Protein backbone atom coordinates (compact mmCIF):
# COMPACT_ATOMS: atom_id res chain seq x y z
CA MET A 1 -7.50 43.57 -46.34
CA GLU A 2 -8.24 40.37 -44.45
CA TRP A 3 -11.16 41.66 -42.42
CA ARG A 4 -11.57 38.23 -40.84
CA ASN A 5 -8.51 39.18 -38.83
CA ILE A 6 -10.55 41.69 -36.81
CA TYR A 7 -12.17 38.91 -34.78
CA ARG A 8 -8.83 37.09 -34.54
CA GLY A 9 -7.26 40.28 -33.21
CA MET A 10 -10.07 40.71 -30.71
CA LEU A 11 -9.38 37.24 -29.31
CA MET A 12 -5.66 37.99 -29.10
CA GLY A 13 -6.32 41.36 -27.46
CA ALA A 14 -8.63 39.81 -24.88
CA SER A 15 -5.93 37.33 -23.88
CA ASP A 16 -3.22 39.99 -23.73
CA VAL A 17 -5.15 41.82 -21.01
CA VAL A 18 -5.05 38.75 -18.76
CA PRO A 19 -1.89 37.95 -16.76
CA GLY A 20 -0.79 34.41 -17.55
CA VAL A 21 -2.49 34.11 -20.96
CA SER A 22 -0.43 34.79 -24.07
CA GLY A 23 -1.66 36.42 -27.25
CA GLY A 24 0.87 34.22 -29.02
CA THR A 25 -0.94 31.15 -27.70
CA ILE A 26 -4.21 32.43 -29.19
CA ALA A 27 -2.43 33.14 -32.50
CA VAL A 28 -1.24 29.53 -32.54
CA LEU A 29 -4.77 28.28 -31.83
CA LEU A 30 -6.11 30.45 -34.66
CA GLY A 31 -3.55 29.06 -37.08
CA ILE A 32 -1.96 32.44 -37.87
CA TYR A 33 1.17 32.36 -35.72
CA ASP A 34 3.66 31.78 -38.55
CA ARG A 35 1.99 34.44 -40.71
CA LEU A 36 1.92 36.89 -37.81
CA ILE A 37 5.66 36.55 -37.21
CA GLU A 38 6.39 36.84 -40.93
CA ALA A 39 4.15 39.90 -41.32
CA ILE A 40 5.60 41.81 -38.36
CA SER A 41 9.12 40.98 -39.48
CA GLY A 42 8.44 42.00 -43.09
CA VAL A 43 6.37 45.15 -42.56
CA PHE A 44 9.42 47.39 -43.10
CA SER A 45 10.74 45.40 -46.06
CA ARG A 46 10.23 46.13 -49.77
CA GLU A 47 7.27 43.76 -49.75
CA TRP A 48 5.46 45.66 -46.99
CA LYS A 49 2.22 45.99 -49.00
CA LYS A 50 1.48 42.27 -48.84
CA TYR A 51 1.84 42.29 -45.04
CA ILE A 52 0.00 45.48 -44.17
CA GLY A 53 -3.37 44.08 -45.31
CA PHE A 54 -2.91 41.27 -42.81
CA LEU A 55 -1.71 43.42 -39.89
CA ILE A 56 -4.10 46.41 -40.02
CA PRO A 57 -7.35 44.50 -39.32
CA LEU A 58 -5.53 42.30 -36.81
CA GLY A 59 -4.19 45.33 -34.96
CA LEU A 60 -7.61 46.99 -35.14
CA GLY A 61 -9.17 43.95 -33.50
CA VAL A 62 -6.49 43.86 -30.78
CA GLY A 63 -7.03 47.56 -30.05
CA ILE A 64 -10.83 47.26 -29.95
CA SER A 65 -10.62 44.30 -27.62
CA ILE A 66 -8.09 45.80 -25.21
CA VAL A 67 -10.01 49.08 -24.91
CA SER A 68 -13.47 47.54 -24.67
CA LEU A 69 -12.59 44.54 -22.51
CA SER A 70 -10.19 46.12 -20.03
CA LYS A 71 -13.07 47.08 -17.72
CA LEU A 72 -14.78 43.71 -18.20
CA ILE A 73 -11.58 41.82 -17.41
CA GLU A 74 -11.10 43.98 -14.30
CA TYR A 75 -14.66 43.13 -13.25
CA LEU A 76 -14.30 39.40 -13.90
CA PHE A 77 -11.04 39.20 -12.00
CA GLU A 78 -12.52 41.15 -9.11
CA HIS A 79 -15.72 39.10 -8.81
CA HIS A 80 -15.05 35.76 -10.58
CA GLU A 81 -11.28 35.35 -10.65
CA GLN A 82 -11.12 31.56 -10.35
CA ALA A 83 -13.86 30.88 -12.87
CA THR A 84 -12.24 33.27 -15.37
CA LEU A 85 -8.84 31.63 -14.98
CA TYR A 86 -10.36 28.17 -15.37
CA PHE A 87 -11.84 29.30 -18.70
CA PHE A 88 -8.40 30.39 -19.90
CA LEU A 89 -6.91 27.20 -18.50
CA GLY A 90 -9.27 25.17 -20.67
CA LEU A 91 -8.45 27.36 -23.65
CA ILE A 92 -4.69 26.85 -23.22
CA ILE A 93 -4.95 23.08 -22.72
CA GLY A 94 -7.16 22.94 -25.80
CA VAL A 95 -4.38 24.54 -27.86
CA ILE A 96 -1.85 21.77 -27.20
CA PRO A 97 -3.30 19.06 -29.51
CA PHE A 98 -3.38 21.52 -32.42
CA LEU A 99 0.22 22.51 -31.75
CA LEU A 100 1.37 18.90 -31.69
CA HIS A 101 -0.47 18.26 -34.94
CA GLN A 102 1.03 21.32 -36.59
CA ALA A 103 4.53 20.28 -35.52
CA ASN A 104 3.95 16.69 -36.75
CA TYR A 105 5.66 15.64 -33.54
CA LYS A 106 5.39 11.88 -34.11
CA GLU A 107 7.77 12.11 -37.06
CA ASN A 108 9.82 15.21 -36.26
CA PHE A 109 10.46 15.11 -32.50
CA LYS A 110 13.57 13.27 -31.32
CA GLY A 111 15.37 13.22 -27.97
CA SER A 112 16.79 16.75 -28.27
CA HIS A 113 13.36 18.16 -29.13
CA MET A 114 11.84 16.61 -26.01
CA VAL A 115 14.64 18.14 -23.93
CA PHE A 116 13.79 21.58 -25.34
CA LEU A 117 10.09 20.99 -24.63
CA PHE A 118 10.59 20.00 -20.99
CA VAL A 119 13.22 22.68 -20.23
CA PHE A 120 11.06 25.54 -21.52
CA ALA A 121 7.93 24.10 -19.90
CA ALA A 122 9.78 24.08 -16.58
CA LEU A 123 11.11 27.60 -17.17
CA VAL A 124 7.65 29.07 -17.70
CA ALA A 125 6.08 26.94 -14.95
CA SER A 126 8.64 28.33 -12.48
CA MET A 127 7.03 31.77 -12.95
CA ALA A 128 4.08 30.45 -10.95
CA PHE A 129 6.28 30.60 -7.87
CA LEU A 130 7.40 34.19 -8.36
CA GLU A 131 5.94 36.70 -5.93
CA THR A 132 4.22 39.45 -7.92
CA GLY A 133 2.53 41.44 -5.22
CA GLU A 134 -0.19 43.97 -5.99
CA PRO A 135 1.44 47.39 -6.55
CA GLU A 136 -0.91 50.34 -6.98
CA ALA A 137 -1.23 52.29 -10.21
CA TRP A 138 0.96 55.39 -10.57
CA GLU A 139 -1.01 58.57 -9.97
CA GLY A 140 -0.34 62.13 -11.13
CA SER A 141 2.40 63.25 -13.50
CA LEU A 142 5.06 60.70 -14.38
CA SER A 143 8.72 61.22 -13.61
CA THR A 144 11.34 60.71 -16.32
CA GLY A 145 12.28 57.39 -14.74
CA GLN A 146 8.66 56.22 -14.80
CA MET A 147 8.31 57.22 -18.47
CA ILE A 148 11.41 55.20 -19.36
CA ALA A 149 10.10 52.30 -17.27
CA LEU A 150 6.78 52.30 -19.15
CA PHE A 151 8.54 52.31 -22.52
CA PHE A 152 10.82 49.39 -21.66
CA SER A 153 7.96 47.55 -19.96
CA GLY A 154 6.02 47.76 -23.23
CA TRP A 155 9.12 46.52 -25.09
CA MET A 156 9.53 43.57 -22.73
CA ALA A 157 5.82 42.74 -22.75
CA SER A 158 5.65 42.77 -26.57
CA MET A 159 8.40 40.18 -26.83
CA ALA A 160 6.42 37.99 -24.46
CA MET A 161 3.13 38.62 -26.30
CA ILE A 162 4.26 36.83 -29.45
CA LEU A 163 5.88 33.93 -27.60
CA PRO A 164 3.18 31.34 -26.90
CA GLY A 165 2.99 30.52 -23.21
CA ILE A 166 4.58 33.72 -21.90
CA SER A 167 2.13 36.47 -21.07
CA GLY A 168 3.06 40.09 -21.62
CA SER A 169 0.57 41.11 -18.93
CA PHE A 170 2.19 38.69 -16.49
CA LEU A 171 5.59 40.29 -17.06
CA LEU A 172 4.04 43.72 -16.52
CA LEU A 173 2.69 42.34 -13.25
CA LEU A 174 6.14 41.08 -12.28
CA VAL A 175 7.78 44.48 -12.84
CA GLY A 176 4.98 46.31 -11.05
CA VAL A 177 3.35 48.32 -13.87
CA TYR A 178 0.34 46.12 -14.71
CA GLU A 179 -2.14 48.20 -12.68
CA THR A 180 -0.73 51.39 -14.22
CA ALA A 181 -1.11 49.97 -17.75
CA ILE A 182 -4.67 48.72 -17.20
CA GLN A 183 -5.69 52.05 -15.67
CA ALA A 184 -4.15 53.92 -18.62
CA VAL A 185 -6.20 51.86 -21.09
CA SER A 186 -9.48 51.88 -19.16
CA GLN A 187 -9.25 55.66 -18.55
CA LEU A 188 -7.77 56.45 -22.01
CA GLN A 189 -4.66 58.16 -20.64
CA ILE A 190 -3.17 58.89 -24.05
CA GLY A 191 0.36 59.82 -22.93
CA ARG A 192 0.88 56.63 -20.97
CA ILE A 193 -0.69 54.51 -23.71
CA ALA A 194 1.67 56.12 -26.25
CA LEU A 195 4.75 55.32 -24.13
CA ILE A 196 3.74 51.68 -23.70
CA GLY A 197 2.68 51.43 -27.35
CA ALA A 198 6.03 52.75 -28.58
CA GLY A 199 7.85 50.12 -26.52
CA VAL A 200 5.49 47.42 -27.83
CA ALA A 201 6.11 48.45 -31.46
CA VAL A 202 9.90 48.38 -31.12
CA GLY A 203 9.87 45.09 -29.24
CA LEU A 204 7.55 43.40 -31.74
CA LEU A 205 9.75 44.35 -34.68
CA ILE A 206 12.98 43.10 -33.10
CA SER A 207 11.64 39.89 -31.55
CA SER A 208 9.62 38.89 -34.62
CA LYS A 209 12.77 38.86 -36.77
CA ALA A 210 14.51 36.59 -34.27
CA ILE A 211 11.55 34.19 -34.05
CA ARG A 212 11.14 34.10 -37.85
CA TYR A 213 14.82 33.17 -38.21
CA LEU A 214 14.45 30.34 -35.69
CA PHE A 215 11.38 28.92 -37.43
CA LYS A 216 13.22 28.90 -40.76
CA ARG A 217 16.51 27.43 -39.53
CA PHE A 218 15.35 25.18 -36.68
CA PRO A 219 11.60 24.52 -37.19
CA SER A 220 11.23 21.36 -35.07
CA HIS A 221 13.29 22.68 -32.15
CA THR A 222 11.34 25.96 -32.29
CA TYR A 223 8.01 24.12 -32.27
CA ALA A 224 9.22 22.01 -29.34
CA THR A 225 10.12 25.21 -27.50
CA VAL A 226 6.74 26.79 -28.25
CA ILE A 227 4.87 23.68 -27.08
CA GLY A 228 6.94 23.69 -23.89
CA LEU A 229 6.08 27.35 -23.29
CA VAL A 230 2.36 26.62 -23.70
CA ILE A 231 2.48 23.60 -21.38
CA GLY A 232 4.39 25.62 -18.80
CA SER A 233 1.78 28.40 -18.91
CA VAL A 234 -0.82 25.92 -17.64
CA PHE A 235 0.97 25.97 -14.27
CA VAL A 236 1.14 29.78 -14.28
CA VAL A 237 -2.58 30.21 -14.99
CA PHE A 238 -3.76 27.40 -12.66
CA PRO A 239 -5.57 29.25 -9.82
CA GLY A 240 -5.64 26.42 -7.31
CA PHE A 241 -8.46 24.04 -6.49
CA PRO A 242 -11.82 25.70 -7.19
CA GLY A 243 -13.99 27.16 -4.47
CA ASP A 244 -17.09 26.98 -6.66
CA LEU A 245 -16.51 23.59 -8.29
CA ILE A 246 -19.54 23.64 -10.60
CA LEU A 247 -18.93 27.14 -11.98
CA CYS A 248 -15.21 26.53 -12.53
CA LEU A 249 -15.92 23.18 -14.18
CA ILE A 250 -18.39 24.86 -16.55
CA THR A 251 -15.94 27.62 -17.49
CA PHE A 252 -13.08 25.11 -17.90
CA ILE A 253 -15.17 22.97 -20.26
CA GLY A 254 -16.23 26.17 -22.00
CA GLY A 255 -12.57 27.03 -22.61
CA LEU A 256 -11.87 23.56 -24.02
CA LEU A 257 -14.94 23.82 -26.26
CA VAL A 258 -13.94 27.26 -27.56
CA ALA A 259 -10.44 25.96 -28.33
CA TYR A 260 -11.89 22.97 -30.18
CA LEU A 261 -14.37 25.05 -32.19
CA LEU A 262 -11.80 27.70 -33.12
CA GLY A 263 -9.36 24.99 -34.11
CA LYS A 264 -11.99 23.34 -36.33
CA VAL A 265 -12.83 26.66 -37.99
CA GLU A 266 -9.24 27.77 -38.51
CA TYR A 267 -7.67 24.46 -39.52
């Protein structure tokens, strides 16, 4: 068991609770993105034993973080939304140099790779202009339609979770079930958590195989796409010009510093 993955999972879980911040981006920053995709894709293969020791502590860390931090994230967004988003903004921007280094972009990126980078950056950035609204959490017993919606929302969110730059929480917000999901976690509503979790598990398995194939067959184009997704997410997370300039500047620098320190440790 790679118990070091517990803290890595906690960082990923914390980001997955926040709309606009991708767990995949954190996995890239931590230097485990390729291994994560390979492990999820291979967990049902004949070599499952070599992957399970990687995934169990990582999943444990994600679970601990989501359960323990859901209330904290709710509090921070309610009372210090801009400062919190500026921290994540610094974290995301801090990821980009490590990504470029990992892709060896100076040697590997040609014209077509830059096209991929800019197209996917623009695609994710365009999500900043989508109207999400603030739907209320579903109360009482769920209808069959709501149960199906939660399952497929988990499926959709999981595919976004492992794509750097695209936030699973943000997609939940777009389809109107984010408040329901956060409430389910913070209040330990087991039935709703199980529905979302089942969708997440199915989505992770399917999407990880596709991403693993792309990294093997088209590594430079896939890296260009990933970097574009991360750059585009900067525009999604950007909360506007700060009201409290000093506090937001401190949290932004804090995010950059955390990205730098994690990158130094992991690389």
